[in-house]
């Protein structure tokens, strides 16, 4: 009787291990933290694609760099250009089939001000 219980437990563990292994099959590895949305969600199968980068700079300096939208084309591959015009920003963004899209935005919330 004990042998039957051990065999059933071993079969259950093997089944779960196969399911876990096959759940990642066909998906590229990612370096996203475990708290990100991964796997099967309400929108179906998808994979988190990206990379993690550690930047050895003070937090305030990084925030200032990030908030100056003119810097974004330096590291966002689909942003072609950003032009600041008063309180508005004009973005030129790469689109499919060699096209570009121009969008004008205005920041209305400025935390800390």
C-alpha atoms as a PDB file:
ATOM      1  CA  UNK A   1       0.000   0.000   0.000  1.00  0.00           C
ATOM      2  CA  UNK A   2       2.844   2.409   0.896  1.00  0.00           C
ATOM      3  CA  UNK A   3       4.599   1.502  -2.358  1.00  0.00           C
ATOM      4  CA  UNK A   4       1.463   2.417  -4.307  1.00  0.00           C
ATOM      5  CA  UNK A   5       1.301   5.813  -2.540  1.00  0.00           C
ATOM      6  CA  UNK A   6       4.987   6.501  -3.259  1.00  0.00           C
ATOM      7  CA  UNK A   7       4.501   5.528  -6.918  1.00  0.00           C
ATOM      8  CA  UNK A   8       1.479   7.833  -7.221  1.00  0.00           C
ATOM      9  CA  UNK A   9       3.417  10.707  -5.630  1.00  0.00           C
ATOM     10  CA  UNK A  10       6.382  10.134  -7.970  1.00  0.00           C
ATOM     11  CA  UNK A  11       4.056  10.085 -10.980  1.00  0.00           C
ATOM     12  CA  UNK A  12       2.436  13.339  -9.835  1.00  0.00           C
ATOM     13  CA  UNK A  13       5.800  15.060  -9.355  1.00  0.00           C
ATOM     14  CA  UNK A  14       6.972  13.871 -12.788  1.00  0.00           C
ATOM     15  CA  UNK A  15       3.754  15.134 -14.396  1.00  0.00           C
ATOM     16  CA  UNK A  16       4.118  18.588 -12.810  1.00  0.00           C
ATOM     17  CA  UNK A  17       7.804  18.787 -13.813  1.00  0.00           C
ATOM     18  CA  UNK A  18       6.936  17.991 -17.440  1.00  0.00           C
ATOM     19  CA  UNK A  19       4.148  20.587 -17.455  1.00  0.00           C
ATOM     20  CA  UNK A  20       6.449  23.281 -16.041  1.00  0.00           C
ATOM     21  CA  UNK A  21       9.218  22.437 -18.516  1.00  0.00           C
ATOM     22  CA  UNK A  22       6.859  22.415 -21.505  1.00  0.00           C
ATOM     23  CA  UNK A  23       5.281  25.698 -20.421  1.00  0.00           C
ATOM     24  CA  UNK A  24       8.526  27.534 -21.314  1.00  0.00           C
ATOM     25  CA  UNK A  25       9.132  25.616 -24.552  1.00  0.00           C
ATOM     26  CA  UNK A  26       9.347  27.901 -27.561  1.00  0.00           C
ATOM     27  CA  UNK A  27       9.729  31.064 -25.505  1.00  0.00           C
ATOM     28  CA  UNK A  28      12.963  33.029 -25.541  1.00  0.00           C
ATOM     29  CA  UNK A  29      14.733  33.545 -22.220  1.00  0.00           C
ATOM     30  CA  UNK A  30      14.246  36.960 -20.667  1.00  0.00           C
ATOM     31  CA  UNK A  31      15.934  38.908 -17.917  1.00  0.00           C
ATOM     32  CA  UNK A  32      12.778  40.593 -16.645  1.00  0.00           C
ATOM     33  CA  UNK A  33      12.231  40.387 -12.891  1.00  0.00           C
ATOM     34  CA  UNK A  34       9.895  37.696 -11.622  1.00  0.00           C
ATOM     35  CA  UNK A  35       7.212  40.240 -10.663  1.00  0.00           C
ATOM     36  CA  UNK A  36       6.586  41.196 -14.302  1.00  0.00           C
ATOM     37  CA  UNK A  37       3.679  39.747 -16.255  1.00  0.00           C
ATOM     38  CA  UNK A  38       4.918  36.516 -17.794  1.00  0.00           C
ATOM     39  CA  UNK A  39       3.338  33.363 -19.113  1.00  0.00           C
ATOM     40  CA  UNK A  40      -0.319  32.880 -19.791  1.00  0.00           C
ATOM     41  CA  UNK A  41      -2.405  35.898 -18.891  1.00  0.00           C
ATOM     42  CA  UNK A  42      -5.861  37.127 -19.696  1.00  0.00           C
ATOM     43  CA  UNK A  43      -4.709  38.113 -23.195  1.00  0.00           C
ATOM     44  CA  UNK A  44      -3.275  34.691 -24.101  1.00  0.00           C
ATOM     45  CA  UNK A  45       0.261  33.405 -24.523  1.00  0.00           C
ATOM     46  CA  UNK A  46       2.960  36.033 -24.682  1.00  0.00           C
ATOM     47  CA  UNK A  47       6.573  36.433 -23.661  1.00  0.00           C
ATOM     48  CA  UNK A  48       8.249  39.367 -21.976  1.00  0.00           C
ATOM     49  CA  UNK A  49      10.988  40.559 -24.284  1.00  0.00           C
ATOM     50  CA  UNK A  50      13.594  42.948 -23.022  1.00  0.00           C
ATOM     51  CA  UNK A  51      16.761  43.324 -21.090  1.00  0.00           C
ATOM     52  CA  UNK A  52      17.883  44.613 -17.739  1.00  0.00           C
ATOM     53  CA  UNK A  53      20.523  47.340 -17.569  1.00  0.00           C
ATOM     54  CA  UNK A  54      22.253  48.649 -14.463  1.00  0.00           C
ATOM     55  CA  UNK A  55      23.335  52.296 -14.731  1.00  0.00           C
ATOM     56  CA  UNK A  56      25.916  53.529 -12.242  1.00  0.00           C
ATOM     57  CA  UNK A  57      24.663  57.115 -11.900  1.00  0.00           C
ATOM     58  CA  UNK A  58      22.869  59.066  -9.160  1.00  0.00           C
ATOM     59  CA  UNK A  59      19.087  58.767  -9.235  1.00  0.00           C
ATOM     60  CA  UNK A  60      18.536  62.533  -9.712  1.00  0.00           C
ATOM     61  CA  UNK A  61      20.882  62.619 -12.708  1.00  0.00           C
ATOM     62  CA  UNK A  62      19.093  59.677 -14.346  1.00  0.00           C
ATOM     63  CA  UNK A  63      15.677  61.239 -13.749  1.00  0.00           C
ATOM     64  CA  UNK A  64      16.806  64.548 -15.285  1.00  0.00           C
ATOM     65  CA  UNK A  65      18.171  62.679 -18.324  1.00  0.00           C
ATOM     66  CA  UNK A  66      14.922  60.701 -18.683  1.00  0.00           C
ATOM     67  CA  UNK A  67      12.702  63.802 -18.350  1.00  0.00           C
ATOM     68  CA  UNK A  68      14.573  65.628 -21.143  1.00  0.00           C
ATOM     69  CA  UNK A  69      12.666  64.033 -24.016  1.00  0.00           C
ATOM     70  CA  UNK A  70      15.366  65.103 -26.490  1.00  0.00           C
ATOM     71  CA  UNK A  71      17.527  62.303 -25.018  1.00  0.00           C
ATOM     72  CA  UNK A  72      15.042  59.524 -25.815  1.00  0.00           C
ATOM     73  CA  UNK A  73      16.148  58.954 -29.457  1.00  0.00           C
ATOM     74  CA  UNK A  74      19.571  58.056 -28.067  1.00  0.00           C
ATOM     75  CA  UNK A  75      18.255  54.782 -26.622  1.00  0.00           C
ATOM     76  CA  UNK A  76      14.724  54.221 -27.991  1.00  0.00           C
ATOM     77  CA  UNK A  77      15.156  52.766 -31.445  1.00  0.00           C
ATOM     78  CA  UNK A  78      11.761  53.748 -32.883  1.00  0.00           C
ATOM     79  CA  UNK A  79      12.007  57.425 -31.842  1.00  0.00           C
ATOM     80  CA  UNK A  80      13.597  59.345 -34.712  1.00  0.00           C
ATOM     81  CA  UNK A  81      13.496  62.880 -33.275  1.00  0.00           C
ATOM     82  CA  UNK A  82      12.061  64.937 -30.442  1.00  0.00           C
ATOM     83  CA  UNK A  83      11.700  68.724 -30.686  1.00  0.00           C
ATOM     84  CA  UNK A  84      10.695  70.905 -27.726  1.00  0.00           C
ATOM     85  CA  UNK A  85       8.568  73.939 -28.666  1.00  0.00           C
ATOM     86  CA  UNK A  86       7.506  75.899 -25.596  1.00  0.00           C
ATOM     87  CA  UNK A  87       5.216  73.678 -23.523  1.00  0.00           C
ATOM     88  CA  UNK A  88       4.698  71.193 -26.371  1.00  0.00           C
ATOM     89  CA  UNK A  89       6.874  68.380 -27.695  1.00  0.00           C
ATOM     90  CA  UNK A  90       6.854  67.117 -31.284  1.00  0.00           C
ATOM     91  CA  UNK A  91       7.835  63.464 -31.698  1.00  0.00           C
ATOM     92  CA  UNK A  92       8.801  61.779 -34.971  1.00  0.00           C
ATOM     93  CA  UNK A  93       8.333  58.023 -34.599  1.00  0.00           C
ATOM     94  CA  UNK A  94       9.242  55.202 -36.997  1.00  0.00           C
ATOM     95  CA  UNK A  95       6.194  53.401 -38.343  1.00  0.00           C
ATOM     96  CA  UNK A  96       5.802  50.197 -40.379  1.00  0.00           C
ATOM     97  CA  UNK A  97       6.670  50.076 -44.093  1.00  0.00           C
ATOM     98  CA  UNK A  98       9.298  52.835 -43.860  1.00  0.00           C
ATOM     99  CA  UNK A  99       6.802  55.469 -42.779  1.00  0.00           C
ATOM    100  CA  UNK A 100       7.104  58.031 -39.972  1.00  0.00           C
ATOM    101  CA  UNK A 101       4.443  59.438 -37.687  1.00  0.00           C
ATOM    102  CA  UNK A 102       4.587  62.883 -36.091  1.00  0.00           C
ATOM    103  CA  UNK A 103       2.822  63.415 -32.778  1.00  0.00           C
ATOM    104  CA  UNK A 104       2.526  66.570 -30.680  1.00  0.00           C
ATOM    105  CA  UNK A 105       2.225  66.179 -26.902  1.00  0.00           C
ATOM    106  CA  UNK A 106       1.963  68.385 -23.837  1.00  0.00           C
ATOM    107  CA  UNK A 107       2.942  67.323 -20.309  1.00  0.00           C
ATOM    108  CA  UNK A 108       0.195  68.443 -17.944  1.00  0.00           C
ATOM    109  CA  UNK A 109       1.367  66.794 -14.699  1.00  0.00           C
ATOM    110  CA  UNK A 110       4.798  67.582 -13.327  1.00  0.00           C
ATOM    111  CA  UNK A 111       5.319  65.704 -10.041  1.00  0.00           C
ATOM    112  CA  UNK A 112       7.352  67.625  -7.507  1.00  0.00           C
ATOM    113  CA  UNK A 113       6.400  71.044  -8.892  1.00  0.00           C
END
